[in-house]
Amino acid sequence: MPHQTTTRERILRASLKLFNEKGYAATPVSAIAAAAGIATGNLTYHFRTKRELAETLEKQTRRRRRKSRSGIQTGALANDYVEALSSSMVMSWENRFLLRDHAQFRDETRARLPDRDLVEDVQMLEDFLKRMRKEGMLRKDLKVELSVLARSLFVLARYWMDHLREIEGLEHVSWEDQERGLQHHLAVLSPCLTAPARRDFESAVIRLAGSQALQGDEAINPHDR
């Protein structure tokens, strides 16, 4: 039986779309209600405030990120790495208002604390690099500290989607846009790899591109359509 969209789900989808497009501060509750096809009073029955809406979307995203991290396979390392990176970049785009507007709806105490999920994302990258070193994929003469390299790679992955929006002015992301982000990421990682490892990563990107072609762009922009 097809899944019936609940009023609560419609509200969350409408708010995510509007927050991403117009920004948290510029989106009134009345506009969210209209986009969801309900009265404002019905919306406030489900979510008392706009802040509660934003915090609910943030909690959903955090759960998805944790599930994605826990679902990382332990097969071919290059494939695992590229798939984890791609998933993180897509999630950042789908929930881009969280990166851009978080200071507007988070309380000051939470805003000053380290973000546990982001810390774990950095740690995941460092763990990948440690696996690469163990499997002989990193050059033996590599001088950079793995923790420094992990942070540099994290910054690239986290802010590529912001670059597409703020520098290139894109409203939708295609696989080609995402692939460019992967190539920028690998431009930093590749000099650290052995020649066979570089070929493994190039093949992993090609394999992922083939998978995306089969799924279509809806796999990248499910909330923008």
Protein backbone atom coordinates (compact mmCIF):
# COMPACT_ATOMS: atom_id res chain seq x y z
CA MET A 1 0.00 0.00 0.00
CA PRO A 2 1.43 3.43 -0.94
CA HIS A 3 2.62 5.57 1.94
CA GLN A 4 0.12 8.31 2.80
CA THR A 5 1.82 11.63 3.51
CA THR A 6 0.72 12.97 6.87
CA THR A 7 0.07 16.64 7.60
CA ARG A 8 3.17 16.70 9.77
CA GLU A 9 5.31 15.34 6.91
CA ARG A 10 3.86 17.90 4.48
CA ILE A 11 4.70 20.70 6.89
CA LEU A 12 8.28 19.48 7.30
CA ARG A 13 8.79 19.14 3.54
CA ALA A 14 7.35 22.58 2.86
CA SER A 15 9.42 24.22 5.60
CA LEU A 16 12.63 22.55 4.41
CA LYS A 17 12.06 23.71 0.84
CA LEU A 18 11.28 27.29 1.89
CA PHE A 19 14.08 27.51 4.47
CA ASN A 20 16.54 26.32 1.82
CA GLU A 21 15.26 28.72 -0.84
CA LYS A 22 14.45 31.86 1.15
CA GLY A 23 16.30 31.41 4.43
CA TYR A 24 14.98 30.75 7.91
CA ALA A 25 14.48 34.39 8.92
CA ALA A 26 12.73 35.36 5.67
CA THR A 27 10.20 32.51 5.79
CA PRO A 28 7.00 33.27 7.74
CA VAL A 29 4.92 30.49 9.24
CA SER A 30 2.02 31.58 7.03
CA ALA A 31 4.08 30.84 3.90
CA ILE A 32 4.92 27.36 5.17
CA ALA A 33 1.26 26.68 5.91
CA ALA A 34 0.24 27.85 2.42
CA ALA A 35 2.92 25.66 0.80
CA ALA A 36 1.70 22.67 2.83
CA GLY A 37 -1.91 23.41 1.82
CA ILE A 38 -3.19 23.94 5.36
CA ALA A 39 -4.32 26.79 7.60
CA THR A 40 -1.75 28.47 9.84
CA GLY A 41 -3.67 27.29 12.91
CA ASN A 42 -3.33 23.69 11.72
CA LEU A 43 0.42 24.15 11.38
CA THR A 44 0.83 25.55 14.87
CA TYR A 45 -1.15 22.58 16.21
CA HIS A 46 1.69 20.33 14.98
CA PHE A 47 4.59 22.76 15.56
CA ARG A 48 4.13 25.58 18.03
CA THR A 49 6.88 27.79 16.59
CA LYS A 50 9.05 28.15 13.52
CA ARG A 51 12.06 27.41 15.70
CA GLU A 52 10.53 24.06 16.66
CA LEU A 53 10.17 23.28 12.96
CA ALA A 54 13.82 24.07 12.27
CA GLU A 55 14.99 22.03 15.26
CA THR A 56 12.90 19.05 14.12
CA LEU A 57 14.48 19.20 10.68
CA GLU A 58 17.91 19.40 12.28
CA LYS A 59 17.21 16.32 14.44
CA GLN A 60 16.05 14.40 11.36
CA THR A 61 19.24 15.31 9.51
CA ARG A 62 21.41 14.28 12.42
CA ARG A 63 19.69 10.88 12.57
CA ARG A 64 20.25 10.40 8.83
CA ARG A 65 23.93 11.32 9.15
CA ARG A 66 24.43 8.84 11.99
CA LYS A 67 22.64 6.12 10.08
CA SER A 68 24.77 6.87 7.01
CA ARG A 69 27.99 6.63 9.06
CA SER A 70 26.91 3.37 10.69
CA GLY A 71 26.06 1.93 7.27
CA ILE A 72 29.54 2.35 5.82
CA GLN A 73 30.68 -0.94 4.34
CA THR A 74 34.09 -2.44 4.91
CA GLY A 75 34.66 -3.58 1.36
CA ALA A 76 36.85 -1.87 -1.22
CA LEU A 77 38.15 1.17 0.61
CA ALA A 78 37.99 3.59 -2.33
CA ASN A 79 34.34 2.67 -2.99
CA ASP A 80 33.42 3.08 0.69
CA TYR A 81 35.16 6.46 0.85
CA VAL A 82 33.60 7.91 -2.32
CA GLU A 83 30.11 6.69 -1.40
CA ALA A 84 30.37 8.14 2.13
CA LEU A 85 31.66 11.43 0.75
CA SER A 86 28.93 11.64 -1.89
CA SER A 87 26.22 10.89 0.68
CA SER A 88 27.52 13.61 2.99
CA MET A 89 27.63 16.20 0.20
CA VAL A 90 24.08 15.42 -0.93
CA MET A 91 22.80 15.63 2.64
CA SER A 92 24.49 19.01 3.07
CA TRP A 93 22.73 20.33 -0.04
CA GLU A 94 19.33 18.95 0.88
CA ASN A 95 19.55 20.66 4.27
CA ARG A 96 21.65 23.68 3.34
CA PHE A 97 19.73 26.12 5.52
CA LEU A 98 21.14 24.31 8.57
CA LEU A 99 24.67 25.35 7.63
CA ARG A 100 23.70 28.86 6.60
CA ASP A 101 21.11 29.84 9.23
CA HIS A 102 21.87 27.72 12.28
CA ALA A 103 22.82 30.74 14.42
CA GLN A 104 19.31 32.14 13.95
CA PHE A 105 17.47 29.27 15.64
CA ARG A 106 19.99 27.61 17.96
CA ASP A 107 20.28 28.91 21.49
CA GLU A 108 23.59 30.52 22.44
CA THR A 109 24.64 27.72 24.80
CA ARG A 110 24.30 25.02 22.10
CA ALA A 111 25.93 27.23 19.48
CA ARG A 112 29.11 27.51 21.58
CA LEU A 113 29.46 23.76 22.12
CA PRO A 114 31.36 21.50 19.70
CA ASP A 115 29.01 19.81 17.26
CA ARG A 116 29.27 16.10 18.08
CA ASP A 117 28.09 14.94 14.66
CA LEU A 118 30.60 17.12 12.81
CA VAL A 119 33.38 15.96 15.12
CA GLU A 120 32.42 12.38 14.23
CA ASP A 121 32.47 13.26 10.52
CA VAL A 122 36.05 14.50 10.87
CA GLN A 123 36.96 11.38 12.82
CA MET A 124 35.41 9.21 10.11
CA LEU A 125 37.68 10.82 7.52
CA GLU A 126 40.72 10.32 9.73
CA ASP A 127 39.74 6.67 10.23
CA PHE A 128 39.53 6.27 6.45
CA LEU A 129 43.03 7.73 6.12
CA LYS A 130 44.33 5.34 8.77
CA ARG A 131 42.82 2.45 6.80
CA MET A 132 44.53 3.76 3.68
CA ARG A 133 47.86 3.87 5.46
CA LYS A 134 47.36 0.35 6.82
CA GLU A 135 46.49 -0.96 3.34
CA GLY A 136 49.50 0.76 1.74
CA MET A 137 47.43 3.26 -0.26
CA LEU A 138 49.24 6.35 1.09
CA ARG A 139 52.68 7.30 -0.17
CA LYS A 140 55.45 6.20 2.17
CA ASP A 141 57.10 9.63 1.96
CA LEU A 142 53.91 11.46 2.96
CA LYS A 143 54.80 14.13 5.52
CA VAL A 144 51.40 15.60 6.40
CA GLU A 145 49.70 14.61 9.65
CA LEU A 146 46.59 12.52 9.00
CA SER A 147 44.55 14.67 11.39
CA VAL A 148 45.45 17.80 9.40
CA LEU A 149 44.64 16.11 6.10
CA ALA A 150 41.31 14.86 7.48
CA ARG A 151 40.29 18.38 8.51
CA SER A 152 41.24 19.80 5.12
CA LEU A 153 39.19 17.14 3.34
CA PHE A 154 36.27 17.74 5.72
CA VAL A 155 36.19 21.45 4.89
CA LEU A 156 36.05 20.64 1.16
CA ALA A 157 33.24 18.14 1.59
CA ARG A 158 31.18 20.29 3.94
CA TYR A 159 31.28 23.56 1.99
CA TRP A 160 31.23 22.45 -1.65
CA MET A 161 27.45 22.66 -1.77
CA ASP A 162 27.58 26.17 -0.26
CA HIS A 163 30.03 27.09 -3.02
CA LEU A 164 27.50 25.95 -5.63
CA ARG A 165 24.80 28.11 -4.08
CA GLU A 166 26.78 31.20 -3.06
CA ILE A 167 29.44 31.42 -5.79
CA GLU A 168 27.76 29.75 -8.76
CA GLY A 169 24.19 30.72 -7.87
CA LEU A 170 22.73 27.25 -8.42
CA GLU A 171 19.28 26.36 -7.14
CA HIS A 172 19.44 22.68 -8.09
CA VAL A 173 22.35 20.26 -8.10
CA SER A 174 22.96 17.72 -10.85
CA TRP A 175 25.25 14.72 -10.65
CA GLU A 176 27.80 16.68 -12.70
CA ASP A 177 27.87 19.40 -10.03
CA GLN A 178 28.36 16.80 -7.33
CA GLU A 179 31.07 15.07 -9.34
CA ARG A 180 32.98 18.35 -9.63
CA GLY A 181 32.98 18.49 -5.84
CA LEU A 182 34.39 14.98 -5.69
CA GLN A 183 37.11 15.95 -8.15
CA HIS A 184 38.09 18.97 -6.04
CA HIS A 185 38.20 16.72 -3.00
CA LEU A 186 40.37 14.16 -4.77
CA ALA A 187 42.67 16.92 -6.03
CA VAL A 188 43.72 17.32 -2.39
CA LEU A 189 43.77 13.61 -1.57
CA SER A 190 45.33 12.22 -4.77
CA PRO A 191 48.87 13.62 -4.27
CA CYS A 192 48.95 11.67 -1.00
CA LEU A 193 48.07 8.36 -2.69
CA THR A 194 50.13 5.76 -4.46
CA ALA A 195 49.55 5.38 -8.20
CA PRO A 196 47.44 2.17 -7.80
CA ALA A 197 45.34 3.86 -5.09
CA ARG A 198 44.68 6.85 -7.37
CA ARG A 199 43.39 4.48 -10.02
CA ASP A 200 41.14 2.82 -7.42
CA PHE A 201 39.62 6.18 -6.51
CA GLU A 202 39.14 7.20 -10.13
CA SER A 203 37.32 3.91 -10.74
CA ALA A 204 35.19 4.45 -7.64
CA VAL A 205 34.01 7.85 -8.94
CA ILE A 206 33.21 6.33 -12.36
CA ARG A 207 31.29 3.51 -10.66
CA LEU A 208 29.29 5.98 -8.58
CA ALA A 209 28.57 8.08 -11.67
CA GLY A 210 27.12 5.02 -13.38
CA SER A 211 24.93 4.34 -10.36
CA GLN A 212 23.67 7.94 -10.32
CA ALA A 213 22.91 7.79 -14.04
CA LEU A 214 20.65 4.80 -13.44
CA GLN A 215 18.83 6.54 -10.59
CA GLY A 216 18.56 9.94 -12.26
CA ASP A 217 18.95 13.38 -10.68
CA GLU A 218 16.02 12.78 -8.34
CA ALA A 219 18.45 10.83 -6.17
CA ILE A 220 20.35 14.10 -5.69
CA ASN A 221 17.47 16.58 -5.35
CA PRO A 222 14.56 14.74 -3.74
CA HIS A 223 13.41 17.80 -1.77
CA ASP A 224 13.80 20.33 -4.58
CA ARG A 225 11.16 18.82 -6.86
